[in-house]
């Protein structure tokens, strides 16, 4: 007659599992023999294997006893019910995995898929991550404010970055994250960047109209908040906008022409 250790070994479980099944009332616990050991009959081995099989199949222990004593039809119905429950759990876990995958990618937490795709494209074009972060933070606010226009705006963004000159501007702006960029009297790199940006904006306005350049139609407080996010991440952007104003345009989030009388460099 097997001991508890031998019983566990035959059934492919641990001694701890056998004791747990005893405590749950699933497997009768025999009396000790004269040597002080609990001895199990062959039927206990079969019963333990059935318990283990049901438990490994995902059957809750609370229902194992019911199934061990069920008739053929009752058993089949109970198994079908458990199978439906497991399928529901699998679908739920798959949804959780999809959500975790989106969270792991960062951009998907608070952004529509088309915006995350646009940001990924910027990265693929070699745009510095902090520049992408400026775009991402702005899009979070835009998507929350006007979700119905996100598809339109992202399509326009994709059109714009088809222009290699604009991509070159973004890459140069990434270089401007160097704190020394354009800070000395003889360093014209930031001014050159302002020239480049002004030329690009003017060209877009002339070719596509000023509504194409900017038609966000946002309230001034939201524009100010988006500008602040950009300036906090890329401090040189504030000076860049000052230089841009002297070249006929003003604004970061909301671009507007400067009146002709404005001072130009």
C-alpha atoms as a PDB file:
ATOM      1  CA  UNK A   1       0.000   0.000   0.000  1.00  0.00           C
ATOM      2  CA  UNK A   2       1.583   3.331  -1.023  1.00  0.00           C
ATOM      3  CA  UNK A   3       2.510   6.095   1.382  1.00  0.00           C
ATOM      4  CA  UNK A   4       1.521   9.700   0.707  1.00  0.00           C
ATOM      5  CA  UNK A   5       4.851  10.335  -1.021  1.00  0.00           C
ATOM      6  CA  UNK A   6       4.445   7.303  -3.262  1.00  0.00           C
ATOM      7  CA  UNK A   7       0.827   8.243  -3.997  1.00  0.00           C
ATOM      8  CA  UNK A   8       1.896  11.734  -5.059  1.00  0.00           C
ATOM      9  CA  UNK A   9       4.646  10.303  -7.258  1.00  0.00           C
ATOM     10  CA  UNK A  10       2.282   7.858  -9.004  1.00  0.00           C
ATOM     11  CA  UNK A  11      -0.253  10.604  -9.731  1.00  0.00           C
ATOM     12  CA  UNK A  12       2.339  13.209 -10.786  1.00  0.00           C
ATOM     13  CA  UNK A  13       1.551  15.734  -8.074  1.00  0.00           C
ATOM     14  CA  UNK A  14       3.294  17.002  -4.957  1.00  0.00           C
ATOM     15  CA  UNK A  15       2.710  15.827  -1.403  1.00  0.00           C
ATOM     16  CA  UNK A  16       1.562  19.339  -0.656  1.00  0.00           C
ATOM     17  CA  UNK A  17      -1.115  19.042  -3.367  1.00  0.00           C
ATOM     18  CA  UNK A  18      -2.341  15.743  -1.877  1.00  0.00           C
ATOM     19  CA  UNK A  19      -2.670  17.390   1.529  1.00  0.00           C
ATOM     20  CA  UNK A  20      -4.487  20.315  -0.047  1.00  0.00           C
ATOM     21  CA  UNK A  21      -6.976  17.927  -1.663  1.00  0.00           C
ATOM     22  CA  UNK A  22      -7.469  16.287   1.726  1.00  0.00           C
ATOM     23  CA  UNK A  23      -8.191  19.682   3.282  1.00  0.00           C
ATOM     24  CA  UNK A  24     -10.696  20.502   0.530  1.00  0.00           C
ATOM     25  CA  UNK A  25     -12.474  17.204   1.072  1.00  0.00           C
ATOM     26  CA  UNK A  26     -11.725  15.968  -2.431  1.00  0.00           C
ATOM     27  CA  UNK A  27      -9.656  12.947  -1.446  1.00  0.00           C
ATOM     28  CA  UNK A  28     -10.374  10.890   1.686  1.00  0.00           C
ATOM     29  CA  UNK A  29      -7.486  10.799   4.150  1.00  0.00           C
ATOM     30  CA  UNK A  30      -6.851   7.263   5.430  1.00  0.00           C
ATOM     31  CA  UNK A  31      -6.033   6.355   9.020  1.00  0.00           C
ATOM     32  CA  UNK A  32      -2.423   5.769   9.984  1.00  0.00           C
ATOM     33  CA  UNK A  33      -1.137   2.196  10.209  1.00  0.00           C
ATOM     34  CA  UNK A  34       0.717   0.736  13.188  1.00  0.00           C
ATOM     35  CA  UNK A  35       3.939   2.292  11.929  1.00  0.00           C
ATOM     36  CA  UNK A  36       2.363   5.734  11.900  1.00  0.00           C
ATOM     37  CA  UNK A  37       2.107   6.005   8.097  1.00  0.00           C
ATOM     38  CA  UNK A  38      -0.987   6.738   6.075  1.00  0.00           C
ATOM     39  CA  UNK A  39      -1.426   4.046   3.465  1.00  0.00           C
ATOM     40  CA  UNK A  40      -3.500   4.518   0.346  1.00  0.00           C
ATOM     41  CA  UNK A  41      -5.299   1.859  -1.687  1.00  0.00           C
ATOM     42  CA  UNK A  42      -5.098   1.699  -5.521  1.00  0.00           C
ATOM     43  CA  UNK A  43      -8.460   3.462  -5.803  1.00  0.00           C
ATOM     44  CA  UNK A  44      -6.939   6.539  -4.178  1.00  0.00           C
ATOM     45  CA  UNK A  45      -4.342   6.686  -6.925  1.00  0.00           C
ATOM     46  CA  UNK A  46      -7.054   6.623  -9.606  1.00  0.00           C
ATOM     47  CA  UNK A  47      -9.107   9.231  -7.752  1.00  0.00           C
ATOM     48  CA  UNK A  48      -6.092  11.493  -7.326  1.00  0.00           C
ATOM     49  CA  UNK A  49      -5.265  11.262 -11.034  1.00  0.00           C
ATOM     50  CA  UNK A  50      -8.846  12.250 -11.879  1.00  0.00           C
ATOM     51  CA  UNK A  51      -8.641  15.206  -9.510  1.00  0.00           C
ATOM     52  CA  UNK A  52      -5.323  16.286 -10.980  1.00  0.00           C
ATOM     53  CA  UNK A  53      -6.636  15.974 -14.548  1.00  0.00           C
ATOM     54  CA  UNK A  54      -9.694  18.099 -13.820  1.00  0.00           C
ATOM     55  CA  UNK A  55      -7.651  20.707 -11.950  1.00  0.00           C
ATOM     56  CA  UNK A  56      -5.063  20.961 -14.742  1.00  0.00           C
ATOM     57  CA  UNK A  57      -7.883  21.387 -17.270  1.00  0.00           C
ATOM     58  CA  UNK A  58      -8.917  24.539 -15.470  1.00  0.00           C
ATOM     59  CA  UNK A  59     -11.824  23.151 -13.494  1.00  0.00           C
ATOM     60  CA  UNK A  60     -12.179  25.118 -10.236  1.00  0.00           C
ATOM     61  CA  UNK A  61     -11.574  22.923  -7.203  1.00  0.00           C
ATOM     62  CA  UNK A  62     -14.986  23.983  -5.919  1.00  0.00           C
ATOM     63  CA  UNK A  63     -16.527  22.028  -8.822  1.00  0.00           C
ATOM     64  CA  UNK A  64     -14.175  19.044  -8.875  1.00  0.00           C
ATOM     65  CA  UNK A  65     -16.134  17.115  -6.247  1.00  0.00           C
ATOM     66  CA  UNK A  66     -19.371  17.700  -8.212  1.00  0.00           C
ATOM     67  CA  UNK A  67     -17.820  16.351 -11.405  1.00  0.00           C
ATOM     68  CA  UNK A  68     -16.249  13.336  -9.722  1.00  0.00           C
ATOM     69  CA  UNK A  69     -19.699  12.237  -8.657  1.00  0.00           C
ATOM     70  CA  UNK A  70     -21.648  13.333 -11.749  1.00  0.00           C
ATOM     71  CA  UNK A  71     -23.359  11.052 -14.210  1.00  0.00           C
ATOM     72  CA  UNK A  72     -22.364  10.999 -17.866  1.00  0.00           C
ATOM     73  CA  UNK A  73     -24.862  13.636 -19.066  1.00  0.00           C
ATOM     74  CA  UNK A  74     -24.363  15.855 -16.053  1.00  0.00           C
ATOM     75  CA  UNK A  75     -20.599  15.592 -16.469  1.00  0.00           C
ATOM     76  CA  UNK A  76     -20.790  16.548 -20.164  1.00  0.00           C
ATOM     77  CA  UNK A  77     -23.013  19.560 -19.422  1.00  0.00           C
ATOM     78  CA  UNK A  78     -20.731  20.741 -16.622  1.00  0.00           C
ATOM     79  CA  UNK A  79     -17.643  20.392 -18.829  1.00  0.00           C
ATOM     80  CA  UNK A  80     -19.357  22.363 -21.610  1.00  0.00           C
ATOM     81  CA  UNK A  81     -20.169  25.122 -19.127  1.00  0.00           C
ATOM     82  CA  UNK A  82     -16.576  25.207 -17.874  1.00  0.00           C
ATOM     83  CA  UNK A  83     -15.327  25.285 -21.458  1.00  0.00           C
ATOM     84  CA  UNK A  84     -17.472  28.349 -22.210  1.00  0.00           C
ATOM     85  CA  UNK A  85     -16.125  30.056 -19.118  1.00  0.00           C
ATOM     86  CA  UNK A  86     -12.548  29.300 -20.117  1.00  0.00           C
ATOM     87  CA  UNK A  87     -13.130  30.661 -23.631  1.00  0.00           C
ATOM     88  CA  UNK A  88     -14.511  33.874 -22.131  1.00  0.00           C
ATOM     89  CA  UNK A  89     -11.457  34.147 -19.875  1.00  0.00           C
ATOM     90  CA  UNK A  90      -9.134  33.571 -22.827  1.00  0.00           C
ATOM     91  CA  UNK A  91     -10.824  36.334 -24.836  1.00  0.00           C
ATOM     92  CA  UNK A  92     -10.589  38.668 -21.864  1.00  0.00           C
ATOM     93  CA  UNK A  93      -6.912  37.856 -21.367  1.00  0.00           C
ATOM     94  CA  UNK A  94      -6.254  38.461 -25.062  1.00  0.00           C
ATOM     95  CA  UNK A  95      -7.864  41.885 -24.722  1.00  0.00           C
ATOM     96  CA  UNK A  96      -5.682  42.537 -21.695  1.00  0.00           C
ATOM     97  CA  UNK A  97      -2.597  41.495 -23.665  1.00  0.00           C
ATOM     98  CA  UNK A  98      -3.533  43.897 -26.457  1.00  0.00           C
ATOM     99  CA  UNK A  99      -3.948  46.691 -23.924  1.00  0.00           C
ATOM    100  CA  UNK A 100      -0.607  45.861 -22.293  1.00  0.00           C
ATOM    101  CA  UNK A 101       1.068  45.823 -25.697  1.00  0.00           C
ATOM    102  CA  UNK A 102      -0.337  49.286 -26.418  1.00  0.00           C
ATOM    103  CA  UNK A 103       0.812  50.547 -23.038  1.00  0.00           C
ATOM    104  CA  UNK A 104       4.260  49.098 -23.586  1.00  0.00           C
ATOM    105  CA  UNK A 105       4.640  51.115 -26.762  1.00  0.00           C
ATOM    106  CA  UNK A 106       3.997  54.314 -24.821  1.00  0.00           C
ATOM    107  CA  UNK A 107       2.347  56.387 -27.557  1.00  0.00           C
ATOM    108  CA  UNK A 108      -0.778  54.223 -27.573  1.00  0.00           C
ATOM    109  CA  UNK A 109      -1.771  55.045 -24.014  1.00  0.00           C
ATOM    110  CA  UNK A 110      -3.679  58.228 -24.828  1.00  0.00           C
ATOM    111  CA  UNK A 111      -3.494  58.430 -28.607  1.00  0.00           C
ATOM    112  CA  UNK A 112      -5.521  57.072 -31.539  1.00  0.00           C
ATOM    113  CA  UNK A 113      -3.743  54.455 -33.696  1.00  0.00           C
ATOM    114  CA  UNK A 114      -3.286  56.836 -36.641  1.00  0.00           C
ATOM    115  CA  UNK A 115      -1.380  59.294 -34.458  1.00  0.00           C
ATOM    116  CA  UNK A 116       0.859  56.544 -33.061  1.00  0.00           C
ATOM    117  CA  UNK A 117       1.531  55.478 -36.660  1.00  0.00           C
ATOM    118  CA  UNK A 118       2.530  59.036 -37.569  1.00  0.00           C
ATOM    119  CA  UNK A 119       4.891  59.261 -34.590  1.00  0.00           C
ATOM    120  CA  UNK A 120       6.443  55.938 -35.546  1.00  0.00           C
ATOM    121  CA  UNK A 121       7.016  57.316 -39.026  1.00  0.00           C
ATOM    122  CA  UNK A 122       8.834  60.327 -37.565  1.00  0.00           C
ATOM    123  CA  UNK A 123      11.121  57.974 -35.646  1.00  0.00           C
ATOM    124  CA  UNK A 124      11.747  55.922 -38.787  1.00  0.00           C
ATOM    125  CA  UNK A 125      12.784  59.132 -40.558  1.00  0.00           C
ATOM    126  CA  UNK A 126      15.427  59.720 -37.897  1.00  0.00           C
ATOM    127  CA  UNK A 127      13.694  62.520 -35.997  1.00  0.00           C
ATOM    128  CA  UNK A 128      15.164  62.996 -32.511  1.00  0.00           C
ATOM    129  CA  UNK A 129      12.998  61.464 -29.784  1.00  0.00           C
ATOM    130  CA  UNK A 130      12.455  64.726 -27.901  1.00  0.00           C
ATOM    131  CA  UNK A 131      11.053  66.288 -31.069  1.00  0.00           C
ATOM    132  CA  UNK A 132       8.730  63.302 -31.386  1.00  0.00           C
ATOM    133  CA  UNK A 133       7.775  63.840 -27.738  1.00  0.00           C
ATOM    134  CA  UNK A 134       6.739  67.428 -28.515  1.00  0.00           C
ATOM    135  CA  UNK A 135       4.526  66.127 -31.300  1.00  0.00           C
ATOM    136  CA  UNK A 136       3.125  63.371 -29.078  1.00  0.00           C
ATOM    137  CA  UNK A 137       2.206  65.714 -26.216  1.00  0.00           C
ATOM    138  CA  UNK A 138       0.474  68.084 -28.584  1.00  0.00           C
ATOM    139  CA  UNK A 139      -1.455  65.260 -30.187  1.00  0.00           C
ATOM    140  CA  UNK A 140      -2.669  64.028 -26.803  1.00  0.00           C
ATOM    141  CA  UNK A 141      -4.332  67.394 -26.253  1.00  0.00           C
ATOM    142  CA  UNK A 142      -5.629  67.616 -29.821  1.00  0.00           C
ATOM    143  CA  UNK A 143      -7.101  64.115 -29.777  1.00  0.00           C
ATOM    144  CA  UNK A 144      -8.873  64.814 -26.503  1.00  0.00           C
ATOM    145  CA  UNK A 145     -10.177  68.183 -27.738  1.00  0.00           C
ATOM    146  CA  UNK A 146     -11.243  67.270 -31.285  1.00  0.00           C
ATOM    147  CA  UNK A 147     -11.200  63.485 -31.795  1.00  0.00           C
ATOM    148  CA  UNK A 148     -13.383  63.773 -34.887  1.00  0.00           C
ATOM    149  CA  UNK A 149     -10.624  65.669 -36.744  1.00  0.00           C
ATOM    150  CA  UNK A 150      -7.664  63.456 -35.883  1.00  0.00           C
ATOM    151  CA  UNK A 151      -7.840  61.435 -39.119  1.00  0.00           C
ATOM    152  CA  UNK A 152      -7.899  64.637 -41.203  1.00  0.00           C
ATOM    153  CA  UNK A 153      -5.000  66.198 -39.321  1.00  0.00           C
ATOM    154  CA  UNK A 154      -2.802  63.092 -39.395  1.00  0.00           C
ATOM    155  CA  UNK A 155      -3.389  62.659 -43.136  1.00  0.00           C
ATOM    156  CA  UNK A 156      -2.167  66.221 -43.627  1.00  0.00           C
ATOM    157  CA  UNK A 157       0.874  65.559 -41.445  1.00  0.00           C
ATOM    158  CA  UNK A 158       1.771  62.528 -43.534  1.00  0.00           C
ATOM    159  CA  UNK A 159       1.548  64.676 -46.672  1.00  0.00           C
ATOM    160  CA  UNK A 160       3.791  67.314 -45.173  1.00  0.00           C
ATOM    161  CA  UNK A 161       6.579  64.967 -44.096  1.00  0.00           C
ATOM    162  CA  UNK A 162       6.730  63.582 -47.615  1.00  0.00           C
ATOM    163  CA  UNK A 163       8.702  66.764 -48.254  1.00  0.00           C
ATOM    164  CA  UNK A 164      12.378  65.953 -47.541  1.00  0.00           C
ATOM    165  CA  UNK A 165      13.019  69.635 -46.756  1.00  0.00           C
ATOM    166  CA  UNK A 166      10.603  69.511 -43.827  1.00  0.00           C
ATOM    167  CA  UNK A 167      12.198  66.272 -42.624  1.00  0.00           C
ATOM    168  CA  UNK A 168      15.554  68.013 -42.844  1.00  0.00           C
ATOM    169  CA  UNK A 169      14.178  70.846 -40.728  1.00  0.00           C
ATOM    170  CA  UNK A 170      13.005  68.417 -38.047  1.00  0.00           C
ATOM    171  CA  UNK A 171      16.395  66.714 -38.011  1.00  0.00           C
ATOM    172  CA  UNK A 172      18.178  70.046 -37.674  1.00  0.00           C
ATOM    173  CA  UNK A 173      15.796  71.043 -34.908  1.00  0.00           C
ATOM    174  CA  UNK A 174      16.848  67.864 -33.161  1.00  0.00           C
ATOM    175  CA  UNK A 175      20.425  69.075 -33.334  1.00  0.00           C
ATOM    176  CA  UNK A 176      19.256  72.317 -31.726  1.00  0.00           C
ATOM    177  CA  UNK A 177      18.695  70.388 -28.509  1.00  0.00           C
ATOM    178  CA  UNK A 178      22.379  70.959 -27.942  1.00  0.00           C
ATOM    179  CA  UNK A 179      22.316  73.782 -25.381  1.00  0.00           C
ATOM    180  CA  UNK A 180      25.094  75.623 -27.242  1.00  0.00           C
ATOM    181  CA  UNK A 181      23.168  75.625 -30.525  1.00  0.00           C
ATOM    182  CA  UNK A 182      22.751  79.190 -31.757  1.00  0.00           C
ATOM    183  CA  UNK A 183      23.621  80.773 -28.422  1.00  0.00           C
ATOM    184  CA  UNK A 184      26.759  82.676 -29.374  1.00  0.00           C
ATOM    185  CA  UNK A 185      26.842  85.916 -31.373  1.00  0.00           C
ATOM    186  CA  UNK A 186      28.621  84.316 -34.326  1.00  0.00           C
ATOM    187  CA  UNK A 187      26.471  81.164 -34.367  1.00  0.00           C
ATOM    188  CA  UNK A 188      23.798  81.667 -36.996  1.00  0.00           C
ATOM    189  CA  UNK A 189      22.504  78.093 -36.967  1.00  0.00           C
ATOM    190  CA  UNK A 190      19.276  78.954 -35.168  1.00  0.00           C
ATOM    191  CA  UNK A 191      18.703  81.942 -37.477  1.00  0.00           C
ATOM    192  CA  UNK A 192      19.331  79.692 -40.478  1.00  0.00           C
ATOM    193  CA  UNK A 193      16.810  77.247 -39.055  1.00  0.00           C
ATOM    194  CA  UNK A 194      14.277  80.076 -38.750  1.00  0.00           C
ATOM    195  CA  UNK A 195      14.949  80.979 -42.403  1.00  0.00           C
ATOM    196  CA  UNK A 196      14.350  77.377 -43.404  1.00  0.00           C
ATOM    197  CA  UNK A 197      11.126  77.116 -41.434  1.00  0.00           C
ATOM    198  CA  UNK A 198       9.799  80.437 -42.728  1.00  0.00           C
ATOM    199  CA  UNK A 199      10.541  79.412 -46.328  1.00  0.00           C
ATOM    200  CA  UNK A 200       8.747  76.119 -45.843  1.00  0.00           C
ATOM    201  CA  UNK A 201       5.658  77.704 -44.274  1.00  0.00           C
ATOM    202  CA  UNK A 202       5.491  80.414 -46.929  1.00  0.00           C
ATOM    203  CA  UNK A 203       5.804  77.854 -49.712  1.00  0.00           C
ATOM    204  CA  UNK A 204       2.978  75.750 -48.228  1.00  0.00           C
ATOM    205  CA  UNK A 205       0.773  78.817 -47.825  1.00  0.00           C
ATOM    206  CA  UNK A 206       1.404  79.929 -51.402  1.00  0.00           C
ATOM    207  CA  UNK A 207       0.821  76.474 -52.869  1.00  0.00           C
ATOM    208  CA  UNK A 208      -2.031  75.176 -50.697  1.00  0.00           C
ATOM    209  CA  UNK A 209      -3.490  78.232 -49.016  1.00  0.00           C
ATOM    210  CA  UNK A 210      -3.142  79.531 -45.486  1.00  0.00           C
ATOM    211  CA  UNK A 211      -5.932  77.250 -44.282  1.00  0.00           C
ATOM    212  CA  UNK A 212      -3.668  74.337 -45.141  1.00  0.00           C
ATOM    213  CA  UNK A 213      -0.901  75.798 -43.003  1.00  0.00           C
ATOM    214  CA  UNK A 214      -3.160  76.039 -39.990  1.00  0.00           C
ATOM    215  CA  UNK A 215      -6.856  75.491 -39.448  1.00  0.00           C
ATOM    216  CA  UNK A 216      -6.794  73.985 -35.958  1.00  0.00           C
ATOM    217  CA  UNK A 217      -9.362  76.496 -34.711  1.00  0.00           C
ATOM    218  CA  UNK A 218      -8.281  76.111 -31.085  1.00  0.00           C
ATOM    219  CA  UNK A 219      -9.029  78.316 -28.127  1.00  0.00           C
ATOM    220  CA  UNK A 220      -6.084  80.562 -27.109  1.00  0.00           C
ATOM    221  CA  UNK A 221      -5.674  78.874 -23.668  1.00  0.00           C
ATOM    222  CA  UNK A 222      -5.219  75.474 -25.333  1.00  0.00           C
ATOM    223  CA  UNK A 223      -2.790  76.932 -27.875  1.00  0.00           C
ATOM    224  CA  UNK A 224      -0.810  78.462 -25.018  1.00  0.00           C
ATOM    225  CA  UNK A 225      -0.705  75.144 -23.170  1.00  0.00           C
ATOM    226  CA  UNK A 226       0.512  73.281 -26.247  1.00  0.00           C
ATOM    227  CA  UNK A 227       3.168  75.922 -26.868  1.00  0.00           C
ATOM    228  CA  UNK A 228       4.308  75.629 -23.262  1.00  0.00           C
ATOM    229  CA  UNK A 229       4.682  71.846 -23.600  1.00  0.00           C
ATOM    230  CA  UNK A 230       6.862  72.371 -26.665  1.00  0.00           C
ATOM    231  CA  UNK A 231       9.006  75.081 -25.089  1.00  0.00           C
ATOM    232  CA  UNK A 232       9.554  73.006 -21.932  1.00  0.00           C
ATOM    233  CA  UNK A 233      10.793  70.058 -23.979  1.00  0.00           C
ATOM    234  CA  UNK A 234      12.762  72.052 -26.582  1.00  0.00           C
ATOM    235  CA  UNK A 235      13.792  75.380 -24.975  1.00  0.00           C
ATOM    236  CA  UNK A 236      15.362  76.595 -28.223  1.00  0.00           C
ATOM    237  CA  UNK A 237      11.901  76.550 -29.816  1.00  0.00           C
ATOM    238  CA  UNK A 238      10.958  79.727 -27.963  1.00  0.00           C
ATOM    239  CA  UNK A 239      13.902  81.635 -29.490  1.00  0.00           C
ATOM    240  CA  UNK A 240      13.164  80.024 -32.856  1.00  0.00           C
ATOM    241  CA  UNK A 241       9.632  81.440 -32.790  1.00  0.00           C
ATOM    242  CA  UNK A 242      10.982  84.896 -31.954  1.00  0.00           C
ATOM    243  CA  UNK A 243      13.205  84.690 -35.030  1.00  0.00           C
ATOM    244  CA  UNK A 244      10.365  83.306 -37.128  1.00  0.00           C
ATOM    245  CA  UNK A 245       8.214  86.316 -36.280  1.00  0.00           C
ATOM    246  CA  UNK A 246      10.785  88.556 -37.938  1.00  0.00           C
ATOM    247  CA  UNK A 247      10.401  86.444 -41.067  1.00  0.00           C
ATOM    248  CA  UNK A 248       6.663  86.927 -41.476  1.00  0.00           C
ATOM    249  CA  UNK A 249       5.154  84.215 -39.296  1.00  0.00           C
ATOM    250  CA  UNK A 250       4.320  83.765 -35.653  1.00  0.00           C
ATOM    251  CA  UNK A 251       3.271  80.920 -33.413  1.00  0.00           C
ATOM    252  CA  UNK A 252       4.280  77.336 -32.790  1.00  0.00           C
ATOM    253  CA  UNK A 253       1.038  75.434 -32.415  1.00  0.00           C
ATOM    254  CA  UNK A 254      -1.012  77.995 -34.329  1.00  0.00           C
ATOM    255  CA  UNK A 255       0.816  79.569 -37.251  1.00  0.00           C
ATOM    256  CA  UNK A 256      -0.273  83.008 -38.413  1.00  0.00           C
ATOM    257  CA  UNK A 257       1.150  85.620 -40.775  1.00  0.00           C
ATOM    258  CA  UNK A 258       2.703  88.641 -39.156  1.00  0.00           C
ATOM    259  CA  UNK A 259       1.307  91.983 -40.366  1.00  0.00           C
ATOM    260  CA  UNK A 260       3.603  93.558 -43.028  1.00  0.00           C
ATOM    261  CA  UNK A 261       4.621  96.348 -40.643  1.00  0.00           C
ATOM    262  CA  UNK A 262       6.266  93.913 -38.251  1.00  0.00           C
ATOM    263  CA  UNK A 263       9.998  94.280 -37.800  1.00  0.00           C
ATOM    264  CA  UNK A 264      12.082  91.934 -39.927  1.00  0.00           C
ATOM    265  CA  UNK A 265      15.641  90.919 -39.429  1.00  0.00           C
END
